[in-house]
């Protein structure tokens, strides 16, 4: 694993300007610029997105099922007064209505939960393969001076001038003394 320092820029022009300064003391094969999509748009799953389930939908399926059963049984019992056909129809309507109400209830805000790990924001990433402590300090100082946001440190695979194993959905490990 190689040491990598990266900073996020708003524009490619800003990243190019910082890369030109870094190229004065680091090899161009150790500098990589790429775009990072916004959270949720990385297509980590074959059907799209970064997660297999929306965190806000947690519990909606169980809530829908429980409410559908309760509403269906209640409506069916009341409908039994009108005969078996009415009981079946009332039970079906109750189950469908109950599942919708239960699902919506399950989608409520989960403000009581701890916030998810900070996600890496979108932007133009300038990453640099670090070959020594002097280069690392100069890279961090240059990124900071050029206005990079979220200057981060990582251990990764650097191959053919690219950060080969960049994980777009992982929370960045920020350099402690870098401005956020």
C-alpha atoms as a PDB file:
ATOM      1  CA  UNK A   1       0.000   0.000   0.000  1.00  0.00           C
ATOM      2  CA  UNK A   2       1.172   3.458  -0.892  1.00  0.00           C
ATOM      3  CA  UNK A   3       0.659   6.736   0.982  1.00  0.00           C
ATOM      4  CA  UNK A   4      -1.669   9.145  -0.860  1.00  0.00           C
ATOM      5  CA  UNK A   5      -2.674  12.727  -0.101  1.00  0.00           C
ATOM      6  CA  UNK A   6      -5.682  14.180  -1.913  1.00  0.00           C
ATOM      7  CA  UNK A   7      -7.627  17.409  -1.967  1.00  0.00           C
ATOM      8  CA  UNK A   8     -11.000  18.319  -3.410  1.00  0.00           C
ATOM      9  CA  UNK A   9     -11.466  21.298  -5.703  1.00  0.00           C
ATOM     10  CA  UNK A  10     -14.602  22.912  -7.107  1.00  0.00           C
ATOM     11  CA  UNK A  11     -13.219  23.290 -10.643  1.00  0.00           C
ATOM     12  CA  UNK A  12     -10.824  21.425 -12.890  1.00  0.00           C
ATOM     13  CA  UNK A  13      -8.949  24.669 -13.500  1.00  0.00           C
ATOM     14  CA  UNK A  14      -8.191  25.023  -9.790  1.00  0.00           C
ATOM     15  CA  UNK A  15      -7.027  21.399  -9.629  1.00  0.00           C
ATOM     16  CA  UNK A  16      -4.853  21.865 -12.734  1.00  0.00           C
ATOM     17  CA  UNK A  17      -3.212  24.953 -11.220  1.00  0.00           C
ATOM     18  CA  UNK A  18      -2.414  23.086  -7.996  1.00  0.00           C
ATOM     19  CA  UNK A  19      -1.127  20.073  -9.967  1.00  0.00           C
ATOM     20  CA  UNK A  20       1.230  22.353 -11.934  1.00  0.00           C
ATOM     21  CA  UNK A  21       2.713  23.635  -8.674  1.00  0.00           C
ATOM     22  CA  UNK A  22       3.036  20.133  -7.228  1.00  0.00           C
ATOM     23  CA  UNK A  23       4.722  18.938 -10.459  1.00  0.00           C
ATOM     24  CA  UNK A  24       7.637  21.224  -9.552  1.00  0.00           C
ATOM     25  CA  UNK A  25       8.650  18.823  -6.743  1.00  0.00           C
ATOM     26  CA  UNK A  26       6.802  15.555  -7.515  1.00  0.00           C
ATOM     27  CA  UNK A  27       6.842  13.363 -10.622  1.00  0.00           C
ATOM     28  CA  UNK A  28       3.867  13.822 -12.943  1.00  0.00           C
ATOM     29  CA  UNK A  29       3.291  10.041 -12.732  1.00  0.00           C
ATOM     30  CA  UNK A  30       2.597  10.628  -9.017  1.00  0.00           C
ATOM     31  CA  UNK A  31      -0.212  13.151  -9.670  1.00  0.00           C
ATOM     32  CA  UNK A  32      -3.762  12.174 -10.634  1.00  0.00           C
ATOM     33  CA  UNK A  33      -6.835  14.360 -11.218  1.00  0.00           C
ATOM     34  CA  UNK A  34     -10.315  12.826 -11.446  1.00  0.00           C
ATOM     35  CA  UNK A  35     -13.951  13.681 -10.781  1.00  0.00           C
ATOM     36  CA  UNK A  36     -15.803  12.220  -7.799  1.00  0.00           C
ATOM     37  CA  UNK A  37     -19.606  12.025  -8.179  1.00  0.00           C
ATOM     38  CA  UNK A  38     -21.978  13.204  -5.433  1.00  0.00           C
ATOM     39  CA  UNK A  39     -22.874  10.703  -2.701  1.00  0.00           C
ATOM     40  CA  UNK A  40     -25.535   8.297  -3.940  1.00  0.00           C
ATOM     41  CA  UNK A  41     -24.451   8.494  -7.579  1.00  0.00           C
ATOM     42  CA  UNK A  42     -21.477   6.114  -7.689  1.00  0.00           C
ATOM     43  CA  UNK A  43     -23.290   3.056  -9.091  1.00  0.00           C
ATOM     44  CA  UNK A  44     -21.710   0.770  -6.509  1.00  0.00           C
ATOM     45  CA  UNK A  45     -24.624  -1.634  -7.103  1.00  0.00           C
ATOM     46  CA  UNK A  46     -25.706  -2.990 -10.478  1.00  0.00           C
ATOM     47  CA  UNK A  47     -29.119  -1.325 -10.161  1.00  0.00           C
ATOM     48  CA  UNK A  48     -27.413   1.988  -9.354  1.00  0.00           C
ATOM     49  CA  UNK A  49     -26.658   3.963  -6.238  1.00  0.00           C
ATOM     50  CA  UNK A  50     -24.233   3.463  -3.381  1.00  0.00           C
ATOM     51  CA  UNK A  51     -26.356   1.417  -0.986  1.00  0.00           C
ATOM     52  CA  UNK A  52     -28.660  -1.557  -1.339  1.00  0.00           C
ATOM     53  CA  UNK A  53     -31.334   0.238   0.710  1.00  0.00           C
ATOM     54  CA  UNK A  54     -32.117   3.867   1.425  1.00  0.00           C
ATOM     55  CA  UNK A  55     -31.194   4.470   5.081  1.00  0.00           C
ATOM     56  CA  UNK A  56     -34.477   6.374   5.521  1.00  0.00           C
ATOM     57  CA  UNK A  57     -36.454   3.280   4.481  1.00  0.00           C
ATOM     58  CA  UNK A  58     -35.147   1.108   7.308  1.00  0.00           C
ATOM     59  CA  UNK A  59     -38.090  -0.607   8.995  1.00  0.00           C
ATOM     60  CA  UNK A  60     -40.670   0.357   6.356  1.00  0.00           C
ATOM     61  CA  UNK A  61     -41.139  -3.227   5.136  1.00  0.00           C
ATOM     62  CA  UNK A  62     -41.808  -4.649   8.601  1.00  0.00           C
ATOM     63  CA  UNK A  63     -44.120  -1.757   9.434  1.00  0.00           C
ATOM     64  CA  UNK A  64     -46.051  -2.261   6.182  1.00  0.00           C
ATOM     65  CA  UNK A  65     -46.475  -5.999   6.762  1.00  0.00           C
ATOM     66  CA  UNK A  66     -47.597  -5.644  10.376  1.00  0.00           C
ATOM     67  CA  UNK A  67     -50.087  -2.898   9.577  1.00  0.00           C
ATOM     68  CA  UNK A  68     -51.427  -4.792   6.548  1.00  0.00           C
ATOM     69  CA  UNK A  69     -52.143  -7.888   8.657  1.00  0.00           C
ATOM     70  CA  UNK A  70     -53.777  -5.900  11.451  1.00  0.00           C
ATOM     71  CA  UNK A  71     -55.884  -3.753   9.112  1.00  0.00           C
ATOM     72  CA  UNK A  72     -56.851  -6.731   6.939  1.00  0.00           C
ATOM     73  CA  UNK A  73     -58.002  -8.812   9.897  1.00  0.00           C
ATOM     74  CA  UNK A  74     -59.882  -5.906  11.454  1.00  0.00           C
ATOM     75  CA  UNK A  75     -61.636  -4.954   8.230  1.00  0.00           C
ATOM     76  CA  UNK A  76     -62.402  -8.605   7.461  1.00  0.00           C
ATOM     77  CA  UNK A  77     -63.940  -9.138  10.890  1.00  0.00           C
ATOM     78  CA  UNK A  78     -66.157  -6.079  10.517  1.00  0.00           C
ATOM     79  CA  UNK A  79     -67.012  -7.063   6.940  1.00  0.00           C
ATOM     80  CA  UNK A  80     -68.095 -10.521   8.128  1.00  0.00           C
ATOM     81  CA  UNK A  81     -71.303  -8.898   9.295  1.00  0.00           C
ATOM     82  CA  UNK A  82     -72.189  -8.464   5.604  1.00  0.00           C
ATOM     83  CA  UNK A  83     -71.352 -12.023   4.621  1.00  0.00           C
ATOM     84  CA  UNK A  84     -68.295 -13.932   3.338  1.00  0.00           C
ATOM     85  CA  UNK A  85     -67.915 -11.943   0.089  1.00  0.00           C
ATOM     86  CA  UNK A  86     -67.992  -8.623   1.934  1.00  0.00           C
ATOM     87  CA  UNK A  87     -65.555  -9.986   4.526  1.00  0.00           C
ATOM     88  CA  UNK A  88     -63.054 -10.951   1.804  1.00  0.00           C
ATOM     89  CA  UNK A  89     -63.394  -7.621   0.016  1.00  0.00           C
ATOM     90  CA  UNK A  90     -63.121  -5.622   3.239  1.00  0.00           C
ATOM     91  CA  UNK A  91     -60.135  -7.692   4.353  1.00  0.00           C
ATOM     92  CA  UNK A  92     -58.342  -7.076   1.023  1.00  0.00           C
ATOM     93  CA  UNK A  93     -59.030  -3.350   1.028  1.00  0.00           C
ATOM     94  CA  UNK A  94     -57.951  -3.157   4.681  1.00  0.00           C
ATOM     95  CA  UNK A  95     -54.731  -5.031   3.985  1.00  0.00           C
ATOM     96  CA  UNK A  96     -53.777  -2.828   1.022  1.00  0.00           C
ATOM     97  CA  UNK A  97     -54.634   0.369   2.884  1.00  0.00           C
ATOM     98  CA  UNK A  98     -52.839  -0.859   5.984  1.00  0.00           C
ATOM     99  CA  UNK A  99     -49.681  -1.728   4.055  1.00  0.00           C
ATOM    100  CA  UNK A 100     -49.532   1.773   2.548  1.00  0.00           C
ATOM    101  CA  UNK A 101     -50.099   3.462   5.896  1.00  0.00           C
ATOM    102  CA  UNK A 102     -47.571   1.159   7.573  1.00  0.00           C
ATOM    103  CA  UNK A 103     -44.937   1.798   4.909  1.00  0.00           C
ATOM    104  CA  UNK A 104     -45.363   5.558   5.193  1.00  0.00           C
ATOM    105  CA  UNK A 105     -45.104   5.328   8.961  1.00  0.00           C
ATOM    106  CA  UNK A 106     -41.934   3.256   8.598  1.00  0.00           C
ATOM    107  CA  UNK A 107     -40.403   6.002   6.445  1.00  0.00           C
ATOM    108  CA  UNK A 108     -40.573   8.539   9.240  1.00  0.00           C
ATOM    109  CA  UNK A 109     -37.511  10.551  10.221  1.00  0.00           C
ATOM    110  CA  UNK A 110     -34.941   8.682  12.263  1.00  0.00           C
ATOM    111  CA  UNK A 111     -33.607  11.731  14.105  1.00  0.00           C
ATOM    112  CA  UNK A 112     -32.898   9.639  17.191  1.00  0.00           C
ATOM    113  CA  UNK A 113     -30.193   7.657  15.355  1.00  0.00           C
ATOM    114  CA  UNK A 114     -26.565   8.666  15.179  1.00  0.00           C
ATOM    115  CA  UNK A 115     -25.634  10.388  11.925  1.00  0.00           C
ATOM    116  CA  UNK A 116     -24.033   8.254   9.222  1.00  0.00           C
ATOM    117  CA  UNK A 117     -20.299   8.516   8.667  1.00  0.00           C
ATOM    118  CA  UNK A 118     -19.351  11.640   6.763  1.00  0.00           C
ATOM    119  CA  UNK A 119     -19.522  10.994   3.068  1.00  0.00           C
ATOM    120  CA  UNK A 120     -16.981  12.274   0.596  1.00  0.00           C
ATOM    121  CA  UNK A 121     -18.494  15.293  -1.198  1.00  0.00           C
ATOM    122  CA  UNK A 122     -18.496  15.652  -4.963  1.00  0.00           C
ATOM    123  CA  UNK A 123     -15.757  17.548  -6.706  1.00  0.00           C
ATOM    124  CA  UNK A 124     -12.524  17.384  -8.648  1.00  0.00           C
ATOM    125  CA  UNK A 125     -10.015  15.258  -6.743  1.00  0.00           C
ATOM    126  CA  UNK A 126      -6.299  15.909  -6.995  1.00  0.00           C
ATOM    127  CA  UNK A 127      -4.421  12.950  -5.542  1.00  0.00           C
ATOM    128  CA  UNK A 128      -0.679  12.633  -5.105  1.00  0.00           C
ATOM    129  CA  UNK A 129       1.386   9.502  -4.502  1.00  0.00           C
ATOM    130  CA  UNK A 130       3.700  10.380  -1.610  1.00  0.00           C
ATOM    131  CA  UNK A 131       7.299   9.272  -1.966  1.00  0.00           C
ATOM    132  CA  UNK A 132       8.659  10.791   1.249  1.00  0.00           C
ATOM    133  CA  UNK A 133       7.873  12.991   4.268  1.00  0.00           C
ATOM    134  CA  UNK A 134       9.219  16.167   2.661  1.00  0.00           C
ATOM    135  CA  UNK A 135       7.022  15.669  -0.400  1.00  0.00           C
ATOM    136  CA  UNK A 136       4.018  14.987   1.847  1.00  0.00           C
ATOM    137  CA  UNK A 137       4.394  18.249   3.766  1.00  0.00           C
ATOM    138  CA  UNK A 138       4.855  20.239   0.544  1.00  0.00           C
ATOM    139  CA  UNK A 139       1.805  18.596  -1.056  1.00  0.00           C
ATOM    140  CA  UNK A 140      -0.388  19.397   1.960  1.00  0.00           C
ATOM    141  CA  UNK A 141       0.899  22.975   2.095  1.00  0.00           C
ATOM    142  CA  UNK A 142       0.338  23.455  -1.649  1.00  0.00           C
ATOM    143  CA  UNK A 143      -3.171  21.981  -1.547  1.00  0.00           C
ATOM    144  CA  UNK A 144      -4.052  24.243   1.370  1.00  0.00           C
ATOM    145  CA  UNK A 145      -2.562  27.339  -0.307  1.00  0.00           C
ATOM    146  CA  UNK A 146      -4.485  26.607  -3.512  1.00  0.00           C
ATOM    147  CA  UNK A 147      -7.807  26.336  -1.653  1.00  0.00           C
ATOM    148  CA  UNK A 148      -8.353  22.573  -1.632  1.00  0.00           C
ATOM    149  CA  UNK A 149     -11.178  21.398   0.584  1.00  0.00           C
ATOM    150  CA  UNK A 150     -11.196  18.187   2.580  1.00  0.00           C
ATOM    151  CA  UNK A 151      -7.486  17.418   2.319  1.00  0.00           C
ATOM    152  CA  UNK A 152      -7.282  13.722   3.073  1.00  0.00           C
ATOM    153  CA  UNK A 153      -4.723  11.010   3.678  1.00  0.00           C
ATOM    154  CA  UNK A 154      -5.065   7.436   2.513  1.00  0.00           C
ATOM    155  CA  UNK A 155      -3.286   4.149   2.035  1.00  0.00           C
ATOM    156  CA  UNK A 156      -3.990   2.783  -1.398  1.00  0.00           C
ATOM    157  CA  UNK A 157      -2.759   1.252  -4.596  1.00  0.00           C
ATOM    158  CA  UNK A 158      -1.017   3.638  -6.984  1.00  0.00           C
ATOM    159  CA  UNK A 159      -0.708   2.135 -10.445  1.00  0.00           C
ATOM    160  CA  UNK A 160       0.242   3.717 -13.777  1.00  0.00           C
ATOM    161  CA  UNK A 161      -0.289   7.255 -12.493  1.00  0.00           C
ATOM    162  CA  UNK A 162      -3.705   6.557 -10.943  1.00  0.00           C
ATOM    163  CA  UNK A 163      -5.133   5.965  -7.490  1.00  0.00           C
ATOM    164  CA  UNK A 164      -6.297   2.497  -8.554  1.00  0.00           C
ATOM    165  CA  UNK A 165      -8.353   1.498  -5.513  1.00  0.00           C
ATOM    166  CA  UNK A 166     -10.020   4.833  -4.710  1.00  0.00           C
ATOM    167  CA  UNK A 167     -13.242   4.122  -2.780  1.00  0.00           C
ATOM    168  CA  UNK A 168     -15.736   6.839  -3.658  1.00  0.00           C
ATOM    169  CA  UNK A 169     -18.209   5.819  -0.963  1.00  0.00           C
ATOM    170  CA  UNK A 170     -15.739   5.601   1.940  1.00  0.00           C
ATOM    171  CA  UNK A 171     -15.551   8.456   4.416  1.00  0.00           C
ATOM    172  CA  UNK A 172     -12.346  10.440   3.880  1.00  0.00           C
ATOM    173  CA  UNK A 173      -9.632  10.414   6.567  1.00  0.00           C
ATOM    174  CA  UNK A 174      -8.924  14.126   6.738  1.00  0.00           C
ATOM    175  CA  UNK A 175      -5.488  15.538   7.439  1.00  0.00           C
ATOM    176  CA  UNK A 176      -5.895  16.893  10.977  1.00  0.00           C
ATOM    177  CA  UNK A 177      -4.583  20.396  10.490  1.00  0.00           C
ATOM    178  CA  UNK A 178      -6.320  20.978   7.159  1.00  0.00           C
ATOM    179  CA  UNK A 179      -9.305  23.330   6.964  1.00  0.00           C
ATOM    180  CA  UNK A 180     -12.647  21.609   6.273  1.00  0.00           C
END
